Amino acid sequence: MRALFGTALILALCGAATAQTPKLRAGVWSVSVTGEGQTGATRMCLNDDVQERMSVFGAQAAGGSCDKTTLIPNPGGGWLYRSVCDHSALGGGTSVSEGVMTGDMTSGYSSRTTVTTTGAQVAHMNRTVTVSGQGVYEGPCPSDMRPGDMII
């Protein structure tokens, strides 16, 4: 399956982009995510242009509902991120995502994100979920993958 944008981990990194935000090395990244007893994997081809578009997408996803997003250097290394998204117009309540991402962003990274949702109309959506992920650089994008392509 091909898609334009990457996984939540990539969006977390790119969603609050500023001039000082680290960029992932251009090429193919394998990303694995574990949470709630489930594991997922994605392989994606990135370049600077795709990361710029993902940054805009991350900040404006769901009609601009995530207007309180920060990404700051972590004194212990890596980056701390936090996003507050108001999905109440759609019945989804408010989600607060907080996490830390570490790694050199050229050969790999790891992250841990906690998402707390409150005020959702569907009761089981009101909960806290923790997701861990790792991204590993594989090398240049092969000829059958264009920047922005993602295989799930």
C-alpha atoms as a PDB file:
ATOM      1  CA  MET A   1       0.000   0.000   0.000  1.00  0.00           C
ATOM      2  CA  ARG A   2       1.313   3.462  -0.860  1.00  0.00           C
ATOM      3  CA  ALA A   3       0.447   6.670   0.933  1.00  0.00           C
ATOM      4  CA  LEU A   4       1.723  10.228   0.938  1.00  0.00           C
ATOM      5  CA  PHE A   5       2.318  10.720   4.638  1.00  0.00           C
ATOM      6  CA  GLY A   6       4.178   8.678   7.241  1.00  0.00           C
ATOM      7  CA  THR A   7       3.200   7.254  10.599  1.00  0.00           C
ATOM      8  CA  ALA A   8       2.281   9.008  13.823  1.00  0.00           C
ATOM      9  CA  LEU A   9       5.893   8.883  14.916  1.00  0.00           C
ATOM     10  CA  ILE A  10       7.004  10.832  11.884  1.00  0.00           C
ATOM     11  CA  LEU A  11       4.118  13.267  12.346  1.00  0.00           C
ATOM     12  CA  ALA A  12       5.086  13.755  15.958  1.00  0.00           C
ATOM     13  CA  LEU A  13       8.550  14.766  14.833  1.00  0.00           C
ATOM     14  CA  CYS A  14       7.324  16.942  11.986  1.00  0.00           C
ATOM     15  CA  GLY A  15       4.082  18.310  13.400  1.00  0.00           C
ATOM     16  CA  ALA A  16       5.725  21.169  15.264  1.00  0.00           C
ATOM     17  CA  ALA A  17       8.491  21.953  12.813  1.00  0.00           C
ATOM     18  CA  THR A  18      10.588  25.021  13.369  1.00  0.00           C
ATOM     19  CA  ALA A  19      13.912  26.152  11.955  1.00  0.00           C
ATOM     20  CA  GLN A  20      15.690  24.172  14.696  1.00  0.00           C
ATOM     21  CA  THR A  21      13.669  20.976  14.305  1.00  0.00           C
ATOM     22  CA  PRO A  22      15.777  17.980  13.340  1.00  0.00           C
ATOM     23  CA  LYS A  23      15.054  16.357  10.005  1.00  0.00           C
ATOM     24  CA  LEU A  24      15.358  12.690   9.281  1.00  0.00           C
ATOM     25  CA  ARG A  25      17.975  11.673   6.767  1.00  0.00           C
ATOM     26  CA  ALA A  26      16.598  11.432   3.218  1.00  0.00           C
ATOM     27  CA  GLY A  27      16.009   7.844   2.132  1.00  0.00           C
ATOM     28  CA  VAL A  28      14.072   4.772   3.244  1.00  0.00           C
ATOM     29  CA  TRP A  29      13.054   4.443   6.895  1.00  0.00           C
ATOM     30  CA  SER A  30      11.577   1.362   8.543  1.00  0.00           C
ATOM     31  CA  VAL A  31       9.319   2.345  11.424  1.00  0.00           C
ATOM     32  CA  SER A  32       7.882  -0.061  13.992  1.00  0.00           C
ATOM     33  CA  VAL A  33       5.241   0.932  16.538  1.00  0.00           C
ATOM     34  CA  THR A  34       4.116  -1.021  19.607  1.00  0.00           C
ATOM     35  CA  GLY A  35       1.232  -0.172  21.891  1.00  0.00           C
ATOM     36  CA  GLU A  36      -1.882  -1.660  23.447  1.00  0.00           C
ATOM     37  CA  GLY A  37      -0.537  -5.153  22.767  1.00  0.00           C
ATOM     38  CA  GLN A  38      -0.292  -4.538  19.023  1.00  0.00           C
ATOM     39  CA  THR A  39       2.644  -3.978  16.702  1.00  0.00           C
ATOM     40  CA  GLY A  40       2.725  -2.230  13.343  1.00  0.00           C
ATOM     41  CA  ALA A  41       5.438  -1.638  10.767  1.00  0.00           C
ATOM     42  CA  THR A  42       5.845   0.851   7.944  1.00  0.00           C
ATOM     43  CA  ARG A  43       8.527   1.442   5.346  1.00  0.00           C
ATOM     44  CA  MET A  44       8.680   4.922   3.812  1.00  0.00           C
ATOM     45  CA  CYS A  45      10.766   6.994   1.419  1.00  0.00           C
ATOM     46  CA  LEU A  46      11.484  10.512   2.720  1.00  0.00           C
ATOM     47  CA  ASN A  47      13.168  13.646   1.428  1.00  0.00           C
ATOM     48  CA  ASP A  48      13.185  17.266   2.652  1.00  0.00           C
ATOM     49  CA  ASP A  49      10.129  18.192   0.561  1.00  0.00           C
ATOM     50  CA  VAL A  50       8.049  15.347   2.025  1.00  0.00           C
ATOM     51  CA  GLN A  51       9.067  16.324   5.544  1.00  0.00           C
ATOM     52  CA  GLU A  52       8.042  19.931   4.872  1.00  0.00           C
ATOM     53  CA  ARG A  53       4.614  18.757   3.657  1.00  0.00           C
ATOM     54  CA  MET A  54       4.292  16.432   6.641  1.00  0.00           C
ATOM     55  CA  SER A  55       5.076  19.345   8.910  1.00  0.00           C
ATOM     56  CA  VAL A  56       2.204  21.328   7.434  1.00  0.00           C
ATOM     57  CA  PHE A  57      -0.032  18.245   7.532  1.00  0.00           C
ATOM     58  CA  GLY A  58       0.846  17.530  11.150  1.00  0.00           C
ATOM     59  CA  ALA A  59       0.080  21.080  12.217  1.00  0.00           C
ATOM     60  CA  GLN A  60      -3.146  21.371  10.209  1.00  0.00           C
ATOM     61  CA  ALA A  61      -4.507  17.832  10.382  1.00  0.00           C
ATOM     62  CA  ALA A  62      -8.209  17.581  11.178  1.00  0.00           C
ATOM     63  CA  GLY A  63      -8.899  21.168  10.160  1.00  0.00           C
ATOM     64  CA  GLY A  64      -6.353  22.772  12.449  1.00  0.00           C
ATOM     65  CA  SER A  65      -7.656  21.078  15.598  1.00  0.00           C
ATOM     66  CA  CYS A  66      -4.100  20.613  16.926  1.00  0.00           C
ATOM     67  CA  ASP A  67      -3.232  24.235  17.561  1.00  0.00           C
ATOM     68  CA  LYS A  68      -1.115  23.741  20.680  1.00  0.00           C
ATOM     69  CA  THR A  69       1.926  21.806  19.489  1.00  0.00           C
ATOM     70  CA  THR A  70       5.455  22.164  20.835  1.00  0.00           C
ATOM     71  CA  LEU A  71       8.761  20.459  20.110  1.00  0.00           C
ATOM     72  CA  ILE A  72      11.736  21.416  22.263  1.00  0.00           C
ATOM     73  CA  PRO A  73      15.220  20.017  22.890  1.00  0.00           C
ATOM     74  CA  ASN A  74      15.281  17.621  25.846  1.00  0.00           C
ATOM     75  CA  PRO A  75      18.036  18.521  28.351  1.00  0.00           C
ATOM     76  CA  GLY A  76      18.832  14.795  28.578  1.00  0.00           C
ATOM     77  CA  GLY A  77      19.128  14.473  24.795  1.00  0.00           C
ATOM     78  CA  GLY A  78      16.592  14.168  22.025  1.00  0.00           C
ATOM     79  CA  TRP A  79      13.337  16.085  21.789  1.00  0.00           C
ATOM     80  CA  LEU A  80      10.253  16.550  23.955  1.00  0.00           C
ATOM     81  CA  TYR A  81       6.957  17.032  22.152  1.00  0.00           C
ATOM     82  CA  ARG A  82       3.434  17.879  23.237  1.00  0.00           C
ATOM     83  CA  SER A  83       0.278  18.416  21.249  1.00  0.00           C
ATOM     84  CA  VAL A  84      -3.254  19.324  22.343  1.00  0.00           C
ATOM     85  CA  CYS A  85      -5.942  18.519  19.795  1.00  0.00           C
ATOM     86  CA  ASP A  86      -9.604  19.475  20.135  1.00  0.00           C
ATOM     87  CA  HIS A  87     -11.763  16.952  18.283  1.00  0.00           C
ATOM     88  CA  SER A  88     -14.951  17.846  20.178  1.00  0.00           C
ATOM     89  CA  ALA A  89     -16.697  19.113  17.039  1.00  0.00           C
ATOM     90  CA  LEU A  90     -16.505  15.517  15.764  1.00  0.00           C
ATOM     91  CA  GLY A  91     -17.399  13.959  19.123  1.00  0.00           C
ATOM     92  CA  GLY A  92     -13.814  12.895  19.792  1.00  0.00           C
ATOM     93  CA  GLY A  93     -13.086  15.082  22.814  1.00  0.00           C
ATOM     94  CA  THR A  94      -9.628  16.457  23.507  1.00  0.00           C
ATOM     95  CA  SER A  95      -6.398  14.502  23.054  1.00  0.00           C
ATOM     96  CA  VAL A  96      -3.134  15.442  24.722  1.00  0.00           C
ATOM     97  CA  SER A  97      -0.051  13.699  23.305  1.00  0.00           C
ATOM     98  CA  GLU A  98       3.268  13.938  25.141  1.00  0.00           C
ATOM     99  CA  GLY A  99       6.492  12.155  24.446  1.00  0.00           C
ATOM    100  CA  VAL A 100      10.198  12.046  23.908  1.00  0.00           C
ATOM    101  CA  MET A 101      12.192  11.165  20.817  1.00  0.00           C
ATOM    102  CA  THR A 102      15.881  10.284  20.929  1.00  0.00           C
ATOM    103  CA  GLY A 103      18.467   9.280  18.371  1.00  0.00           C
ATOM    104  CA  ASP A 104      20.687  10.920  15.796  1.00  0.00           C
ATOM    105  CA  MET A 105      17.926  11.112  13.129  1.00  0.00           C
ATOM    106  CA  THR A 106      20.439   9.968  10.506  1.00  0.00           C
ATOM    107  CA  SER A 107      20.703   6.275  11.382  1.00  0.00           C
ATOM    108  CA  GLY A 108      17.819   5.827  13.778  1.00  0.00           C
ATOM    109  CA  TYR A 109      15.522   7.133  16.468  1.00  0.00           C
ATOM    110  CA  SER A 110      13.195   5.860  19.180  1.00  0.00           C
ATOM    111  CA  SER A 111      10.161   7.448  20.760  1.00  0.00           C
ATOM    112  CA  ARG A 112       7.646   6.973  23.524  1.00  0.00           C
ATOM    113  CA  THR A 113       4.325   8.800  23.350  1.00  0.00           C
ATOM    114  CA  THR A 114       1.445   8.917  25.811  1.00  0.00           C
ATOM    115  CA  VAL A 115      -1.942  10.041  24.468  1.00  0.00           C
ATOM    116  CA  THR A 116      -4.741  10.918  26.883  1.00  0.00           C
ATOM    117  CA  THR A 117      -8.224  11.487  25.474  1.00  0.00           C
ATOM    118  CA  THR A 118     -11.014  13.054  27.531  1.00  0.00           C
ATOM    119  CA  GLY A 119     -14.506  14.299  26.747  1.00  0.00           C
ATOM    120  CA  ALA A 120     -15.153  11.907  23.853  1.00  0.00           C
ATOM    121  CA  GLN A 121     -18.790  10.945  23.229  1.00  0.00           C
ATOM    122  CA  VAL A 122     -17.858   7.262  22.921  1.00  0.00           C
ATOM    123  CA  ALA A 123     -16.840   6.144  26.420  1.00  0.00           C
ATOM    124  CA  HIS A 124     -14.067   3.706  25.448  1.00  0.00           C
ATOM    125  CA  MET A 125     -12.220   6.508  23.617  1.00  0.00           C
ATOM    126  CA  ASN A 126     -11.647   8.262  26.962  1.00  0.00           C
ATOM    127  CA  ARG A 127      -8.402   6.658  28.049  1.00  0.00           C
ATOM    128  CA  THR A 128      -4.630   6.888  28.131  1.00  0.00           C
ATOM    129  CA  VAL A 129      -2.549   4.947  25.607  1.00  0.00           C
ATOM    130  CA  THR A 130       1.248   4.665  25.471  1.00  0.00           C
ATOM    131  CA  VAL A 131       2.963   3.896  22.163  1.00  0.00           C
ATOM    132  CA  SER A 132       6.657   3.144  21.619  1.00  0.00           C
ATOM    133  CA  GLY A 133       8.361   3.287  18.265  1.00  0.00           C
ATOM    134  CA  GLN A 134      11.657   2.918  16.498  1.00  0.00           C
ATOM    135  CA  GLY A 135      12.822   4.160  13.140  1.00  0.00           C
ATOM    136  CA  VAL A 136      15.833   2.728  11.323  1.00  0.00           C
ATOM    137  CA  TYR A 137      17.463   4.226   8.233  1.00  0.00           C
ATOM    138  CA  GLU A 138      17.836   1.582   5.489  1.00  0.00           C
ATOM    139  CA  GLY A 139      19.566   3.586   2.748  1.00  0.00           C
ATOM    140  CA  PRO A 140      18.648   5.566  -0.375  1.00  0.00           C
ATOM    141  CA  CYS A 141      15.144   5.180  -1.781  1.00  0.00           C
ATOM    142  CA  PRO A 142      15.074   2.394  -4.392  1.00  0.00           C
ATOM    143  CA  SER A 143      13.967   3.136  -7.943  1.00  0.00           C
ATOM    144  CA  ASP A 144      10.484   1.703  -7.282  1.00  0.00           C
ATOM    145  CA  MET A 145       9.813   4.133  -4.397  1.00  0.00           C
ATOM    146  CA  ARG A 146       9.311   7.868  -4.774  1.00  0.00           C
ATOM    147  CA  PRO A 147       9.625  10.343  -1.898  1.00  0.00           C
ATOM    148  CA  GLY A 148       6.353  10.199  -0.005  1.00  0.00           C
ATOM    149  CA  ASP A 149       5.675   6.529  -0.783  1.00  0.00           C
ATOM    150  CA  MET A 150       4.843   4.372   2.215  1.00  0.00           C
ATOM    151  CA  ILE A 151       4.400   0.605   2.430  1.00  0.00           C
ATOM    152  CA  ILE A 152       2.378  -0.730   5.358  1.00  0.00           C
END
